[in-house]
């Protein structure tokens, strides 16, 4: 099933590490999505983001920039907002 944002602009307003690589993401419309990023990091190794497998580095480098959730000053890990909103890091959302 394909989910769509129907042209809405959605922003991340809060991101909280629950445990390890699991993050509760709160959006400006009040929705909260919980995502475990570790399976994605393990399945998609990359020299720019492998350091994020370390839980301390993952937490230290997570930040909200202009309403988007990113890791690292060079955006070493980031996803389209729809992936966060629907809790599916592999999906294609509009």
N, C-alpha and C. Protein backbone atom coordinates (compact mmCIF):
# COMPACT_ATOMS: atom_id res chain seq x y z
N UNK A 1 0.85 -1.18 0.00
CA UNK A 1 0.00 0.00 0.00
C UNK A 1 0.89 1.24 0.00
N UNK A 2 0.60 2.14 -0.92
CA UNK A 2 1.38 3.36 -1.00
C UNK A 2 0.68 4.46 -0.22
N UNK A 3 1.42 5.08 0.67
CA UNK A 3 0.91 6.19 1.46
C UNK A 3 1.34 7.50 0.81
N UNK A 4 0.55 8.52 0.95
CA UNK A 4 0.91 9.82 0.41
C UNK A 4 0.65 10.89 1.44
N UNK A 5 1.42 11.95 1.34
CA UNK A 5 1.23 13.09 2.23
C UNK A 5 0.26 14.10 1.64
N UNK A 6 -0.24 13.84 0.43
CA UNK A 6 -1.23 14.71 -0.22
C UNK A 6 -0.78 16.16 -0.28
N UNK A 7 0.51 16.37 -0.54
CA UNK A 7 1.02 17.72 -0.69
C UNK A 7 1.23 18.47 0.62
N UNK A 8 0.92 17.84 1.74
CA UNK A 8 1.11 18.51 3.04
C UNK A 8 2.59 18.66 3.34
N UNK A 9 2.95 19.75 3.97
CA UNK A 9 4.31 19.95 4.44
C UNK A 9 4.34 19.53 5.90
N UNK A 10 5.11 18.50 6.18
CA UNK A 10 5.21 17.94 7.52
C UNK A 10 6.63 18.17 8.02
N UNK A 11 6.75 18.55 9.28
CA UNK A 11 8.07 18.79 9.87
C UNK A 11 8.25 17.97 11.15
N UNK A 12 9.47 17.55 11.36
CA UNK A 12 9.83 16.90 12.63
C UNK A 12 10.04 18.00 13.66
N UNK A 13 9.40 17.86 14.81
CA UNK A 13 9.57 18.85 15.88
C UNK A 13 10.31 18.29 17.08
N UNK A 14 10.38 16.95 17.17
CA UNK A 14 11.08 16.33 18.30
C UNK A 14 11.53 14.93 17.90
N UNK A 15 12.72 14.56 18.34
CA UNK A 15 13.22 13.20 18.14
C UNK A 15 13.89 12.76 19.42
N UNK A 16 13.47 11.62 19.92
CA UNK A 16 13.97 11.14 21.21
C UNK A 16 14.42 9.68 21.08
N UNK A 17 15.66 9.41 21.49
CA UNK A 17 16.16 8.04 21.52
C UNK A 17 15.43 7.30 22.63
N UNK A 18 14.78 6.20 22.28
CA UNK A 18 14.10 5.38 23.29
C UNK A 18 15.05 4.34 23.85
N UNK A 19 15.78 3.68 22.95
CA UNK A 19 16.77 2.67 23.33
C UNK A 19 17.59 2.32 22.10
N UNK A 20 18.89 2.28 22.25
CA UNK A 20 19.75 1.90 21.13
C UNK A 20 19.57 2.80 19.93
N UNK A 21 19.06 2.23 18.85
CA UNK A 21 18.82 2.96 17.61
C UNK A 21 17.33 3.22 17.36
N UNK A 22 16.53 3.05 18.38
CA UNK A 22 15.09 3.26 18.25
C UNK A 22 14.75 4.69 18.66
N UNK A 23 14.07 5.38 17.74
CA UNK A 23 13.78 6.81 17.92
C UNK A 23 12.28 7.06 17.83
N UNK A 24 11.76 7.84 18.77
CA UNK A 24 10.38 8.33 18.69
C UNK A 24 10.45 9.69 18.01
N UNK A 25 9.76 9.80 16.88
CA UNK A 25 9.78 11.02 16.08
C UNK A 25 8.42 11.69 16.17
N UNK A 26 8.39 12.94 16.60
CA UNK A 26 7.14 13.69 16.73
C UNK A 26 7.08 14.73 15.61
N UNK A 27 5.93 14.81 14.96
CA UNK A 27 5.72 15.72 13.84
C UNK A 27 4.86 16.90 14.25
N UNK A 28 4.88 17.94 13.44
CA UNK A 28 4.15 19.16 13.78
C UNK A 28 2.64 19.00 13.77
N UNK A 29 2.13 17.89 13.25
CA UNK A 29 0.70 17.66 13.30
C UNK A 29 0.31 16.78 14.50
N UNK A 30 1.30 16.46 15.36
CA UNK A 30 1.05 15.68 16.56
C UNK A 30 1.31 14.19 16.44
N UNK A 31 1.45 13.69 15.24
CA UNK A 31 1.71 12.26 15.05
C UNK A 31 3.08 11.91 15.61
N UNK A 32 3.19 10.71 16.19
CA UNK A 32 4.45 10.19 16.69
C UNK A 32 4.68 8.84 16.03
N UNK A 33 5.87 8.66 15.46
CA UNK A 33 6.26 7.41 14.83
C UNK A 33 7.51 6.90 15.52
N UNK A 34 7.56 5.61 15.78
CA UNK A 34 8.73 4.99 16.40
C UNK A 34 9.42 4.12 15.35
N UNK A 35 10.73 4.36 15.16
CA UNK A 35 11.50 3.63 14.15
C UNK A 35 12.80 3.12 14.76
N UNK A 36 13.11 1.86 14.48
CA UNK A 36 14.41 1.28 14.83
C UNK A 36 15.29 1.39 13.58
N UNK A 37 16.33 2.19 13.64
CA UNK A 37 17.20 2.43 12.51
C UNK A 37 18.28 1.36 12.35
N UNK A 38 18.52 0.53 13.35
CA UNK A 38 19.61 -0.43 13.29
C UNK A 38 19.46 -1.43 12.14
N UNK A 39 18.28 -2.01 11.90
CA UNK A 39 18.17 -2.94 10.77
C UNK A 39 18.55 -2.28 9.43
N UNK A 40 18.18 -1.03 9.25
CA UNK A 40 18.55 -0.34 8.01
C UNK A 40 20.07 -0.17 7.93
N UNK A 41 20.68 0.27 9.02
CA UNK A 41 22.12 0.49 9.02
C UNK A 41 22.89 -0.81 8.76
N UNK A 42 22.41 -1.91 9.32
CA UNK A 42 23.06 -3.20 9.10
C UNK A 42 22.88 -3.70 7.66
N UNK A 43 21.72 -3.46 7.09
CA UNK A 43 21.42 -3.94 5.74
C UNK A 43 22.04 -3.08 4.65
N UNK A 44 22.42 -1.84 5.00
CA UNK A 44 22.95 -0.91 4.00
C UNK A 44 24.26 -0.29 4.49
N UNK A 45 25.31 -1.10 4.61
CA UNK A 45 26.58 -0.53 5.08
C UNK A 45 27.12 0.51 4.10
N UNK A 46 27.68 1.56 4.66
CA UNK A 46 28.28 2.62 3.84
C UNK A 46 29.34 3.33 4.66
N UNK A 47 30.45 3.64 4.03
CA UNK A 47 31.56 4.25 4.76
C UNK A 47 31.19 5.57 5.42
N UNK A 48 30.20 6.27 4.90
CA UNK A 48 29.80 7.56 5.48
C UNK A 48 28.91 7.42 6.71
N UNK A 49 28.26 6.28 6.85
CA UNK A 49 27.31 6.14 7.96
C UNK A 49 27.57 4.96 8.88
N UNK A 50 28.57 4.14 8.58
CA UNK A 50 28.84 2.96 9.43
C UNK A 50 29.14 3.33 10.88
N UNK A 51 29.72 4.50 11.10
CA UNK A 51 30.03 4.93 12.48
C UNK A 51 28.77 5.06 13.33
N UNK A 52 27.61 5.21 12.68
CA UNK A 52 26.35 5.36 13.40
C UNK A 52 25.85 4.05 14.01
N UNK A 53 26.48 2.94 13.68
CA UNK A 53 26.13 1.69 14.34
C UNK A 53 26.48 1.73 15.83
N UNK A 54 27.43 2.56 16.18
CA UNK A 54 27.75 2.79 17.59
C UNK A 54 26.62 3.63 18.19
N UNK A 55 25.97 3.12 19.23
CA UNK A 55 24.81 3.80 19.81
C UNK A 55 25.13 5.21 20.30
N UNK A 56 26.30 5.39 20.86
CA UNK A 56 26.69 6.71 21.35
C UNK A 56 26.84 7.70 20.19
N UNK A 57 27.47 7.27 19.11
CA UNK A 57 27.64 8.13 17.93
C UNK A 57 26.28 8.44 17.29
N UNK A 58 25.42 7.42 17.25
CA UNK A 58 24.08 7.59 16.69
C UNK A 58 23.33 8.69 17.44
N UNK A 59 23.36 8.62 18.76
CA UNK A 59 22.65 9.61 19.58
C UNK A 59 23.30 10.99 19.49
N UNK A 60 24.63 11.03 19.54
CA UNK A 60 25.36 12.29 19.54
C UNK A 60 25.19 13.07 18.24
N UNK A 61 25.05 12.36 17.12
CA UNK A 61 25.00 13.00 15.80
C UNK A 61 23.59 13.24 15.28
N UNK A 62 22.56 12.87 16.04
CA UNK A 62 21.18 13.06 15.61
C UNK A 62 20.75 14.49 15.88
N UNK A 63 20.15 15.14 14.89
CA UNK A 63 19.63 16.49 15.10
C UNK A 63 18.50 16.78 14.11
N UNK A 64 17.70 17.76 14.48
CA UNK A 64 16.63 18.23 13.61
C UNK A 64 17.14 19.50 12.93
N UNK A 65 17.11 19.50 11.59
CA UNK A 65 17.56 20.64 10.80
C UNK A 65 16.44 21.02 9.84
N UNK A 66 15.93 22.23 10.00
CA UNK A 66 14.85 22.73 9.14
C UNK A 66 13.69 21.74 9.04
N UNK A 67 13.33 21.14 10.17
CA UNK A 67 12.18 20.24 10.21
C UNK A 67 12.45 18.83 9.72
N UNK A 68 13.70 18.50 9.48
CA UNK A 68 14.06 17.16 9.02
C UNK A 68 15.02 16.53 10.02
N UNK A 69 14.98 15.23 10.14
CA UNK A 69 15.85 14.50 11.07
C UNK A 69 17.06 14.00 10.30
N UNK A 70 18.26 14.36 10.76
CA UNK A 70 19.49 14.00 10.07
C UNK A 70 20.55 13.57 11.08
N UNK A 71 21.58 12.91 10.57
CA UNK A 71 22.73 12.51 11.38
C UNK A 71 24.00 13.01 10.69
N UNK A 72 24.86 13.63 11.47
CA UNK A 72 26.15 14.09 10.96
C UNK A 72 26.06 15.45 10.30
N UNK A 73 27.14 16.22 10.40
CA UNK A 73 27.14 17.57 9.84
C UNK A 73 27.06 17.56 8.32
N UNK A 74 27.40 16.45 7.70
CA UNK A 74 27.28 16.32 6.24
C UNK A 74 26.06 15.50 5.83
N UNK A 75 25.10 15.41 6.75
CA UNK A 75 23.88 14.63 6.51
C UNK A 75 24.26 13.19 6.11
N UNK A 76 25.10 12.56 6.93
CA UNK A 76 25.57 11.21 6.66
C UNK A 76 24.43 10.21 6.57
N UNK A 77 23.34 10.49 7.26
CA UNK A 77 22.15 9.66 7.19
C UNK A 77 20.95 10.57 7.27
N UNK A 78 20.06 10.45 6.31
CA UNK A 78 18.80 11.20 6.33
C UNK A 78 17.84 10.51 5.36
N UNK A 79 16.57 10.76 5.57
CA UNK A 79 15.53 10.14 4.75
C UNK A 79 14.50 11.19 4.39
N UNK A 80 13.73 10.97 3.32
CA UNK A 80 12.61 11.86 3.03
C UNK A 80 11.61 11.82 4.19
N UNK A 81 10.96 12.93 4.42
CA UNK A 81 10.06 13.07 5.57
C UNK A 81 8.96 12.00 5.57
N UNK A 82 8.49 11.59 4.41
CA UNK A 82 7.45 10.56 4.33
C UNK A 82 7.89 9.23 4.91
N UNK A 83 9.17 8.90 4.75
CA UNK A 83 9.67 7.66 5.33
C UNK A 83 9.58 7.68 6.85
N UNK A 84 9.93 8.82 7.44
CA UNK A 84 9.79 8.95 8.89
C UNK A 84 8.32 8.92 9.29
N UNK A 85 7.51 9.67 8.57
CA UNK A 85 6.10 9.84 8.92
C UNK A 85 5.35 8.50 8.91
N UNK A 86 5.64 7.66 7.90
CA UNK A 86 4.95 6.38 7.79
C UNK A 86 5.72 5.23 8.42
N UNK A 87 6.89 5.52 8.99
CA UNK A 87 7.65 4.51 9.72
C UNK A 87 8.25 3.43 8.85
N UNK A 88 8.58 3.77 7.61
CA UNK A 88 9.12 2.79 6.65
C UNK A 88 10.31 3.41 5.94
N UNK A 89 11.51 3.01 6.33
CA UNK A 89 12.71 3.62 5.77
C UNK A 89 12.97 3.23 4.32
N UNK A 90 12.33 2.17 3.84
CA UNK A 90 12.56 1.68 2.48
C UNK A 90 11.48 2.13 1.48
N UNK A 91 10.40 2.73 1.98
CA UNK A 91 9.28 3.08 1.10
C UNK A 91 9.52 4.31 0.24
N UNK A 92 8.61 4.49 -0.71
CA UNK A 92 8.64 5.63 -1.62
C UNK A 92 7.35 6.41 -1.41
N UNK A 93 7.48 7.60 -0.80
CA UNK A 93 6.29 8.35 -0.43
C UNK A 93 6.31 9.73 -1.06
N UNK A 94 5.13 10.19 -1.39
CA UNK A 94 4.98 11.53 -1.98
C UNK A 94 4.20 12.43 -1.03
